[in-house]
Amino acid sequence: MQYYYVYLLFSVLDKGWYIGYTGNLQKRLFAHNAGKVYSTKNRRPLMLIYYESFLNEADAKAREEYLKSGYGRLQLKSILKNTILTKESWQSGRMRQS
């Protein structure tokens, strides 16, 4: 059975987020951290801090678009409030949205 994933990466370098979707989460994370993804190659290292799985690719794409919206980012901040605080204290900087 094929799964599709929506994921949230945290950039240790700039304290920003990256939201994406993929059909192979492990391979995609490797590509991000190997510098093979244009939009994140200068933001490494990256940490996976959240993901959701879907059986339908269209559902995953729709969820990715929603999470990239203002309301979606607010929802992520609410869901991950303790994770965000932990990452802020680890990095001794402020986490910002990107």
Protein backbone atom coordinates (compact mmCIF):
# COMPACT_ATOMS: atom_id res chain seq x y z
CA MET A 1 0.00 0.00 0.00
CA GLN A 2 1.38 3.42 -1.00
CA TYR A 3 1.37 6.22 1.56
CA TYR A 4 1.91 9.92 0.98
CA TYR A 5 3.38 12.16 3.63
CA VAL A 6 3.11 15.81 4.53
CA TYR A 7 6.08 16.83 6.64
CA LEU A 8 7.53 19.77 8.53
CA LEU A 9 11.25 20.34 8.74
CA PHE A 10 12.98 22.69 11.16
CA SER A 11 16.13 24.44 9.94
CA VAL A 12 18.78 24.48 12.65
CA LEU A 13 20.60 27.17 10.66
CA ASP A 14 17.88 29.81 10.24
CA LYS A 15 15.24 28.52 12.71
CA GLY A 16 12.65 28.45 9.93
CA TRP A 17 10.20 25.81 8.73
CA TYR A 18 9.87 23.91 5.50
CA ILE A 19 6.59 22.15 4.66
CA GLY A 20 6.43 19.56 1.89
CA TYR A 21 4.86 16.32 0.75
CA THR A 22 6.28 13.12 -0.71
CA GLY A 23 5.57 9.49 -1.47
CA ASN A 24 8.83 8.36 0.17
CA LEU A 25 9.56 10.20 3.39
CA GLN A 26 12.89 8.56 4.20
CA LYS A 27 14.30 9.19 0.71
CA ARG A 28 13.05 12.79 0.71
CA LEU A 29 14.59 13.55 4.11
CA PHE A 30 17.90 12.17 2.91
CA ALA A 31 17.70 14.37 -0.20
CA HIS A 32 16.96 17.46 1.91
CA ASN A 33 19.90 16.87 4.24
CA ALA A 34 22.24 15.94 1.38
CA GLY A 35 21.62 19.36 -0.21
CA LYS A 36 19.79 17.90 -3.22
CA VAL A 37 16.61 19.95 -2.72
CA TYR A 38 16.98 23.48 -4.09
CA SER A 39 14.68 25.18 -1.57
CA THR A 40 16.49 23.79 1.48
CA LYS A 41 20.08 23.21 0.37
CA ASN A 42 21.26 26.44 2.05
CA ARG A 43 19.20 25.84 5.21
CA ARG A 44 20.85 22.66 6.48
CA PRO A 45 20.92 20.86 8.80
CA LEU A 46 17.20 20.09 8.89
CA MET A 47 15.23 18.14 11.48
CA LEU A 48 11.94 16.36 10.89
CA ILE A 49 9.61 17.60 13.62
CA TYR A 50 6.18 16.57 12.30
CA TYR A 51 4.52 14.46 9.62
CA GLU A 52 1.12 13.11 8.62
CA SER A 53 0.40 10.14 6.35
CA PHE A 54 -2.32 9.76 3.71
CA LEU A 55 -3.53 6.98 1.42
CA ASN A 56 -4.39 9.45 -1.35
CA GLU A 57 -1.89 11.79 -3.01
CA ALA A 58 -4.50 14.49 -3.67
CA ASP A 59 -5.37 14.55 0.03
CA ALA A 60 -1.69 14.94 0.94
CA LYS A 61 -1.24 17.80 -1.56
CA ALA A 62 -4.35 19.55 -0.23
CA ARG A 63 -3.12 19.21 3.35
CA GLU A 64 0.30 20.58 2.39
CA GLU A 65 -1.33 23.62 0.78
CA TYR A 66 -3.48 24.17 3.87
CA LEU A 67 -0.52 23.93 6.26
CA LYS A 68 1.33 26.51 4.18
CA SER A 69 -1.57 28.94 4.60
CA GLY A 70 -1.95 31.33 7.51
CA TYR A 71 -4.55 29.17 9.23
CA GLY A 72 -2.50 26.05 8.67
CA ARG A 73 0.60 27.62 10.22
CA LEU A 74 -1.46 28.70 13.22
CA GLN A 75 -2.69 25.12 13.58
CA LEU A 76 0.87 23.79 13.45
CA LYS A 77 2.01 26.31 16.04
CA SER A 78 -0.82 25.18 18.31
CA ILE A 79 -0.16 21.46 17.80
CA LEU A 80 3.62 21.82 18.19
CA LYS A 81 3.79 24.49 20.88
CA ASN A 82 5.96 22.37 23.19
CA THR A 83 8.21 21.19 20.36
CA ILE A 84 8.70 24.78 19.22
CA LEU A 85 9.64 25.86 22.74
CA THR A 86 12.09 22.97 23.03
CA LYS A 87 13.73 23.82 19.71
CA GLU A 88 13.97 27.49 20.68
CA SER A 89 15.76 26.70 23.91
CA TRP A 90 18.05 24.22 22.16
CA GLN A 91 19.10 26.69 19.55
CA SER A 92 18.99 29.73 21.84
CA GLY A 93 17.23 31.65 19.13
CA ARG A 94 13.71 32.43 18.01
CA MET A 95 11.91 30.08 15.67
CA ARG A 96 10.42 31.91 12.74
CA GLN A 97 8.12 30.84 9.95
CA SER A 98 9.48 30.73 6.44
